[in-house]
C-alpha atoms as a PDB file:
ATOM      1  CA  ASP A   1     157.721  59.574  13.099  1.00  0.00           C
ATOM      2  CA  VAL A   2     158.783  63.237  12.806  1.00  0.00           C
ATOM      3  CA  PRO A   3     160.876  64.745   9.971  1.00  0.00           C
ATOM      4  CA  GLY A   4     163.338  66.195  12.484  1.00  0.00           C
ATOM      5  CA  VAL A   5     163.180  68.597  15.397  1.00  0.00           C
ATOM      6  CA  LEU A   6     160.239  70.957  14.910  1.00  0.00           C
ATOM      7  CA  ASN A   7     159.898  74.359  16.538  1.00  0.00           C
ATOM      8  CA  ALA A   8     156.597  73.286  18.131  1.00  0.00           C
ATOM      9  CA  ASP A   9     154.413  70.232  18.604  1.00  0.00           C
ATOM     10  CA  PRO A  10     151.966  70.001  15.653  1.00  0.00           C
ATOM     11  CA  LYS A  11     149.352  68.941  18.197  1.00  0.00           C
ATOM     12  CA  TRP A  12     149.397  72.492  19.570  1.00  0.00           C
ATOM     13  CA  PHE A  13     150.584  74.582  16.634  1.00  0.00           C
ATOM     14  CA  ASP A  14     149.161  74.776  13.115  1.00  0.00           C
ATOM     15  CA  GLU A  15     152.290  76.136  11.445  1.00  0.00           C
ATOM     16  CA  THR A  16     155.430  74.336  12.559  1.00  0.00           C
ATOM     17  CA  GLU A  17     158.897  74.612  11.044  1.00  0.00           C
ATOM     18  CA  LYS A  18     161.658  72.040  10.942  1.00  0.00           C
ATOM     19  CA  ILE A  19     164.956  73.164  12.451  1.00  0.00           C
ATOM     20  CA  GLU A  20     167.825  72.182  10.129  1.00  0.00           C
ATOM     21  CA  GLU A  21     170.636  72.568  12.686  1.00  0.00           C
ATOM     22  CA  LEU A  22     170.513  72.778  16.448  1.00  0.00           C
ATOM     23  CA  SER A  23     173.274  73.390  18.984  1.00  0.00           C
ATOM     24  CA  TYR A  24     173.904  70.960  21.831  1.00  0.00           C
ATOM     25  CA  HIS A  25     173.119  73.815  24.222  1.00  0.00           C
ATOM     26  CA  ASP A  26     169.736  74.579  22.659  1.00  0.00           C
ATOM     27  CA  ALA A  27     168.913  70.866  22.472  1.00  0.00           C
ATOM     28  CA  ILE A  28     169.600  70.518  26.209  1.00  0.00           C
ATOM     29  CA  GLU A  29     167.497  73.603  26.954  1.00  0.00           C
ATOM     30  CA  LEU A  30     164.562  72.343  24.869  1.00  0.00           C
ATOM     31  CA  THR A  31     164.598  68.858  26.396  1.00  0.00           C
ATOM     32  CA  TYR A  32     164.858  70.357  29.886  1.00  0.00           C
ATOM     33  CA  TYR A  33     161.719  72.403  29.290  1.00  0.00           C
ATOM     34  CA  GLY A  34     159.820  69.408  27.933  1.00  0.00           C
ATOM     35  CA  ALA A  35     160.556  68.852  24.226  1.00  0.00           C
ATOM     36  CA  ASN A  36     159.845  65.167  23.580  1.00  0.00           C
ATOM     37  CA  VAL A  37     161.754  64.323  20.401  1.00  0.00           C
ATOM     38  CA  ILE A  38     165.125  63.813  22.120  1.00  0.00           C
ATOM     39  CA  HIS A  39     165.745  62.156  25.470  1.00  0.00           C
ATOM     40  CA  PRO A  40     167.624  64.545  27.794  1.00  0.00           C
ATOM     41  CA  LYS A  41     170.286  61.960  28.683  1.00  0.00           C
ATOM     42  CA  THR A  42     171.157  61.492  25.001  1.00  0.00           C
ATOM     43  CA  ILE A  43     172.730  64.912  24.536  1.00  0.00           C
ATOM     44  CA  LYS A  44     175.498  65.170  27.143  1.00  0.00           C
ATOM     45  CA  PRO A  45     177.581  62.099  26.106  1.00  0.00           C
ATOM     46  CA  ILE A  46     177.640  63.091  22.432  1.00  0.00           C
ATOM     47  CA  GLN A  47     178.364  66.717  23.321  1.00  0.00           C
ATOM     48  CA  ASN A  48     181.366  65.632  25.399  1.00  0.00           C
ATOM     49  CA  LYS A  49     182.805  63.820  22.356  1.00  0.00           C
ATOM     50  CA  GLY A  50     181.635  66.325  19.732  1.00  0.00           C
ATOM     51  CA  ILE A  51     179.567  63.700  17.884  1.00  0.00           C
ATOM     52  CA  PRO A  52     176.785  65.060  15.637  1.00  0.00           C
ATOM     53  CA  LEU A  53     173.317  63.652  16.297  1.00  0.00           C
ATOM     54  CA  TYR A  54     170.956  63.275  13.353  1.00  0.00           C
ATOM     55  CA  VAL A  55     167.229  63.304  14.060  1.00  0.00           C
ATOM     56  CA  ARG A  56     165.259  61.779  11.171  1.00  0.00           C
ATOM     57  CA  SER A  57     161.908  60.168  10.562  1.00  0.00           C
ATOM     58  CA  PHE A  58     161.667  56.379  10.723  1.00  0.00           C
ATOM     59  CA  LEU A  59     159.205  56.661   7.851  1.00  0.00           C
ATOM     60  CA  ALA A  60     161.603  58.593   5.593  1.00  0.00           C
ATOM     61  CA  PRO A  61     165.144  57.920   6.856  1.00  0.00           C
ATOM     62  CA  LYS A  62     166.841  59.226   3.689  1.00  0.00           C
ATOM     63  CA  GLU A  63     165.373  62.685   4.025  1.00  0.00           C
ATOM     64  CA  ILE A  64     167.432  65.395   5.698  1.00  0.00           C
ATOM     65  CA  GLY A  65     166.261  65.838   9.267  1.00  0.00           C
ATOM     66  CA  THR A  66     167.873  67.898  12.009  1.00  0.00           C
ATOM     67  CA  VAL A  67     171.546  67.718  12.945  1.00  0.00           C
ATOM     68  CA  ILE A  68     172.613  68.583  16.480  1.00  0.00           C
ATOM     69  CA  THR A  69     176.188  69.892  16.642  1.00  0.00           C
ATOM     70  CA  ASN A  70     178.431  72.320  18.508  1.00  0.00           C
ATOM     71  CA  THR A  71     177.244  75.183  16.297  1.00  0.00           C
ATOM     72  CA  LYS A  72     177.159  78.593  17.967  1.00  0.00           C
ATOM     73  CA  THR A  73     174.323  79.774  15.715  1.00  0.00           C
ATOM     74  CA  PRO A  74     171.094  80.448  17.632  1.00  0.00           C
ATOM     75  CA  LEU A  75     167.809  78.949  16.460  1.00  0.00           C
ATOM     76  CA  PRO A  76     166.503  80.678  13.315  1.00  0.00           C
ATOM     77  CA  VAL A  77     162.924  80.595  14.644  1.00  0.00           C
ATOM     78  CA  ALA A  78     161.338  80.685  18.068  1.00  0.00           C
ATOM     79  CA  SER A  79     160.577  77.288  19.606  1.00  0.00           C
ATOM     80  CA  PHE A  80     157.438  76.612  21.635  1.00  0.00           C
ATOM     81  CA  ILE A  81     156.944  73.918  24.270  1.00  0.00           C
ATOM     82  CA  PHE A  82     153.470  73.436  25.734  1.00  0.00           C
ATOM     83  CA  LYS A  83     152.523  71.711  28.975  1.00  0.00           C
ATOM     84  CA  VAL A  84     148.888  71.330  30.025  1.00  0.00           C
ATOM     85  CA  ASN A  85     147.326  70.240  33.334  1.00  0.00           C
ATOM     86  CA  GLN A  86     149.510  72.637  35.278  1.00  0.00           C
ATOM     87  CA  VAL A  87     149.053  73.770  38.861  1.00  0.00           C
ATOM     88  CA  LEU A  88     150.365  77.156  39.988  1.00  0.00           C
ATOM     89  CA  ILE A  89     151.204  77.089  43.688  1.00  0.00           C
ATOM     90  CA  SER A  90     151.899  80.368  45.498  1.00  0.00           C
ATOM     91  CA  ILE A  91     153.564  80.170  48.902  1.00  0.00           C
ATOM     92  CA  PHE A  92     153.648  82.962  51.514  1.00  0.00           C
ATOM     93  CA  PRO A  93     155.157  83.195  55.018  1.00  0.00           C
ATOM     94  CA  LYS A  94     152.326  83.165  57.562  1.00  0.00           C
ATOM     95  CA  ASP A  95     153.747  86.215  59.349  1.00  0.00           C
ATOM     96  CA  PHE A  96     153.972  88.273  56.111  1.00  0.00           C
ATOM     97  CA  SER A  97     157.760  88.418  56.408  1.00  0.00           C
ATOM     98  CA  PHE A  98     160.140  88.213  53.463  1.00  0.00           C
ATOM     99  CA  ILE A  99     160.852  85.004  51.588  1.00  0.00           C
ATOM    100  CA  ILE A 100     164.470  84.310  52.541  1.00  0.00           C
ATOM    101  CA  GLU A 101     166.977  81.569  51.719  1.00  0.00           C
ATOM    102  CA  GLU A 102     165.875  79.504  54.704  1.00  0.00           C
ATOM    103  CA  ASN A 103     162.268  79.541  53.450  1.00  0.00           C
ATOM    104  CA  LEU A 104     163.347  78.509  49.953  1.00  0.00           C
ATOM    105  CA  SER A 105     165.483  75.670  51.292  1.00  0.00           C
ATOM    106  CA  HIS A 106     162.524  74.356  53.299  1.00  0.00           C
ATOM    107  CA  ILE A 107     160.145  74.676  50.320  1.00  0.00           C
ATOM    108  CA  PHE A 108     162.502  72.752  48.034  1.00  0.00           C
ATOM    109  CA  SER A 109     162.997  70.027  50.634  1.00  0.00           C
ATOM    110  CA  ILE A 110     159.199  69.571  50.755  1.00  0.00           C
ATOM    111  CA  LEU A 111     159.005  69.481  46.944  1.00  0.00           C
ATOM    112  CA  HIS A 112     161.807  66.891  46.881  1.00  0.00           C
ATOM    113  CA  LYS A 113     160.162  64.805  49.600  1.00  0.00           C
ATOM    114  CA  ASN A 114     156.951  64.662  47.551  1.00  0.00           C
ATOM    115  CA  LYS A 115     158.853  63.989  44.296  1.00  0.00           C
ATOM    116  CA  VAL A 116     157.331  67.035  42.602  1.00  0.00           C
ATOM    117  CA  LYS A 117     159.288  68.545  39.699  1.00  0.00           C
ATOM    118  CA  VAL A 118     159.145  72.310  39.283  1.00  0.00           C
ATOM    119  CA  ASN A 119     158.489  73.433  35.691  1.00  0.00           C
ATOM    120  CA  THR A 120     158.939  77.142  36.365  1.00  0.00           C
ATOM    121  CA  MET A 121     159.231  79.386  39.405  1.00  0.00           C
ATOM    122  CA  LEU A 122     159.156  83.025  40.443  1.00  0.00           C
ATOM    123  CA  ASN A 123     160.402  84.557  43.668  1.00  0.00           C
ATOM    124  CA  SER A 124     159.178  87.907  45.022  1.00  0.00           C
ATOM    125  CA  ALA A 125     159.804  89.648  48.339  1.00  0.00           C
ATOM    126  CA  ILE A 126     156.896  87.969  50.133  1.00  0.00           C
ATOM    127  CA  SER A 127     155.942  85.001  47.957  1.00  0.00           C
ATOM    128  CA  PHE A 128     157.345  82.082  45.981  1.00  0.00           C
ATOM    129  CA  SER A 129     155.364  80.576  43.091  1.00  0.00           C
ATOM    130  CA  VAL A 130     155.925  77.317  41.228  1.00  0.00           C
ATOM    131  CA  SER A 131     154.181  75.606  38.334  1.00  0.00           C
ATOM    132  CA  VAL A 132     154.032  71.808  38.508  1.00  0.00           C
ATOM    133  CA  ASP A 133     152.334  68.952  36.662  1.00  0.00           C
ATOM    134  CA  LEU A 134     148.970  67.994  38.135  1.00  0.00           C
ATOM    135  CA  ASP A 135     149.049  64.785  40.147  1.00  0.00           C
ATOM    136  CA  GLU A 136     146.084  64.876  42.529  1.00  0.00           C
ATOM    137  CA  GLU A 137     147.581  62.523  45.106  1.00  0.00           C
ATOM    138  CA  LYS A 138     150.948  64.297  45.188  1.00  0.00           C
ATOM    139  CA  LEU A 139     149.294  67.723  45.146  1.00  0.00           C
ATOM    140  CA  THR A 140     147.124  66.958  48.184  1.00  0.00           C
ATOM    141  CA  GLN A 141     150.116  65.820  50.226  1.00  0.00           C
ATOM    142  CA  LEU A 142     152.304  68.677  48.978  1.00  0.00           C
ATOM    143  CA  ILE A 143     149.749  71.334  49.953  1.00  0.00           C
ATOM    144  CA  GLU A 144     149.316  69.700  53.354  1.00  0.00           C
ATOM    145  CA  ASP A 145     153.080  69.660  53.986  1.00  0.00           C
ATOM    146  CA  LEU A 146     153.582  73.246  52.804  1.00  0.00           C
ATOM    147  CA  SER A 147     150.593  74.498  54.812  1.00  0.00           C
ATOM    148  CA  ALA A 148     152.213  73.378  58.059  1.00  0.00           C
ATOM    149  CA  THR A 149     154.646  76.297  57.720  1.00  0.00           C
ATOM    150  CA  PHE A 150     153.297  78.582  55.001  1.00  0.00           C
ATOM    151  CA  LYS A 151     150.107  80.101  53.687  1.00  0.00           C
ATOM    152  CA  VAL A 152     149.385  78.378  50.350  1.00  0.00           C
ATOM    153  CA  LYS A 153     147.157  79.249  47.397  1.00  0.00           C
ATOM    154  CA  TYR A 154     146.896  77.285  44.163  1.00  0.00           C
ATOM    155  CA  ASN A 155     145.178  77.293  40.768  1.00  0.00           C
ATOM    156  CA  LYS A 156     144.533  74.191  38.666  1.00  0.00           C
ATOM    157  CA  GLY A 157     143.633  73.725  34.997  1.00  0.00           C
ATOM    158  CA  LEU A 158     146.461  75.888  33.673  1.00  0.00           C
ATOM    159  CA  GLU A 159     148.835  75.774  30.707  1.00  0.00           C
ATOM    160  CA  LEU A 160     152.561  76.470  30.625  1.00  0.00           C
ATOM    161  CA  VAL A 161     154.237  77.594  27.423  1.00  0.00           C
ATOM    162  CA  THR A 162     158.000  77.960  27.144  1.00  0.00           C
ATOM    163  CA  ILE A 163     159.293  80.081  24.259  1.00  0.00           C
ATOM    164  CA  ARG A 164     162.973  79.775  23.348  1.00  0.00           C
ATOM    165  CA  TYR A 165     164.219  82.888  21.455  1.00  0.00           C
ATOM    166  CA  TYR A 166     161.049  84.834  22.128  1.00  0.00           C
ATOM    167  CA  ASN A 167     159.964  88.311  21.118  1.00  0.00           C
ATOM    168  CA  GLN A 168     156.791  90.250  21.808  1.00  0.00           C
ATOM    169  CA  GLN A 169     155.133  88.876  18.682  1.00  0.00           C
ATOM    170  CA  THR A 170     155.634  85.270  19.804  1.00  0.00           C
ATOM    171  CA  ILE A 171     154.338  86.106  23.280  1.00  0.00           C
ATOM    172  CA  ASP A 172     151.252  87.781  21.813  1.00  0.00           C
ATOM    173  CA  ARG A 173     150.697  84.736  19.593  1.00  0.00           C
ATOM    174  CA  VAL A 174     150.335  82.287  22.474  1.00  0.00           C
ATOM    175  CA  THR A 175     148.456  84.544  24.893  1.00  0.00           C
ATOM    176  CA  VAL A 176     145.440  85.309  22.700  1.00  0.00           C
ATOM    177  CA  ASN A 177     142.285  84.809  24.797  1.00  0.00           C
ATOM    178  CA  LYS A 178     144.404  83.854  27.803  1.00  0.00           C
ATOM    179  CA  ASP A 179     144.737  85.264  31.295  1.00  0.00           C
ATOM    180  CA  VAL A 180     148.427  85.342  32.219  1.00  0.00           C
ATOM    181  CA  LEU A 181     149.009  84.313  35.833  1.00  0.00           C
ATOM    182  CA  LEU A 182     152.802  84.216  35.807  1.00  0.00           C
ATOM    183  CA  GLU A 183     155.533  85.237  33.361  1.00  0.00           C
ATOM    184  CA  VAL A 184     159.243  84.552  33.767  1.00  0.00           C
ATOM    185  CA  LYS A 185     161.805  85.911  31.301  1.00  0.00           C
ATOM    186  CA  SER A 186     165.519  85.393  30.850  1.00  0.00           C
ATOM    187  CA  ARG A 187     167.660  86.563  27.947  1.00  0.00           C
ATOM    188  CA  HIS A 188     166.541  83.828  25.534  1.00  0.00           C
ATOM    189  CA  THR A 189     163.646  82.059  27.260  1.00  0.00           C
ATOM    190  CA  CYS A 190     160.173  83.152  28.327  1.00  0.00           C
ATOM    191  CA  GLN A 191     157.807  80.970  30.361  1.00  0.00           C
ATOM    192  CA  ILE A 192     154.139  81.856  30.736  1.00  0.00           C
ATOM    193  CA  VAL A 193     151.578  80.198  32.993  1.00  0.00           C
ATOM    194  CA  MET A 194     148.108  81.018  31.711  1.00  0.00           C
ATOM    195  CA  LYS A 195     144.455  80.079  31.687  1.00  0.00           C
ATOM    196  CA  ASP A 196     141.734  80.262  29.040  1.00  0.00           C
ATOM    197  CA  LYS A 197     139.707  83.416  29.576  1.00  0.00           C
ATOM    198  CA  SER A 198     136.546  81.368  29.084  1.00  0.00           C
ATOM    199  CA  LEU A 199     137.495  79.335  32.175  1.00  0.00           C
ATOM    200  CA  SER A 200     138.214  82.455  34.218  1.00  0.00           C
ATOM    201  CA  GLN A 201     134.716  83.878  33.861  1.00  0.00           C
END
């Protein structure tokens, strides 16, 4: 029921734009971070065979939608993916030592055991932070398991926004009246975990 792949969910953004052409790589990135229009497992088989994928509306199938191809052209506009009901979990060694590979391996084994998917993460010298979807039952068990070895702090009621092809203007746009708790940047992608300032008071 969408005209193609949009650069944001209209539920969260007033002014969305349809993307005319999208690379397989960008499509995989967007679905990985939570874009809902395309199923993640759809992309790889057609990429392997170089088959274009056309995303059109069921309501207007003759209209031009979005074509996903092996184009090398980056997205013409920034894309925004929002996730609500996030929990930011910060993990510290109890002896204030450094977070080392052995710690990370143990943390990920606990996450895997509890079937908790990490949406974004940030590693510092003495802490490791992850943002995950809120599931009260899983969260309770996860915190209990982590607390056996580590000191754990967490914040609930957060939002995660992922911006593909970001700039400072796009970051400023989504962080108005927000307290930023975590920000992770790579060359093309920025992820921000934040909370409404009204909820922080």
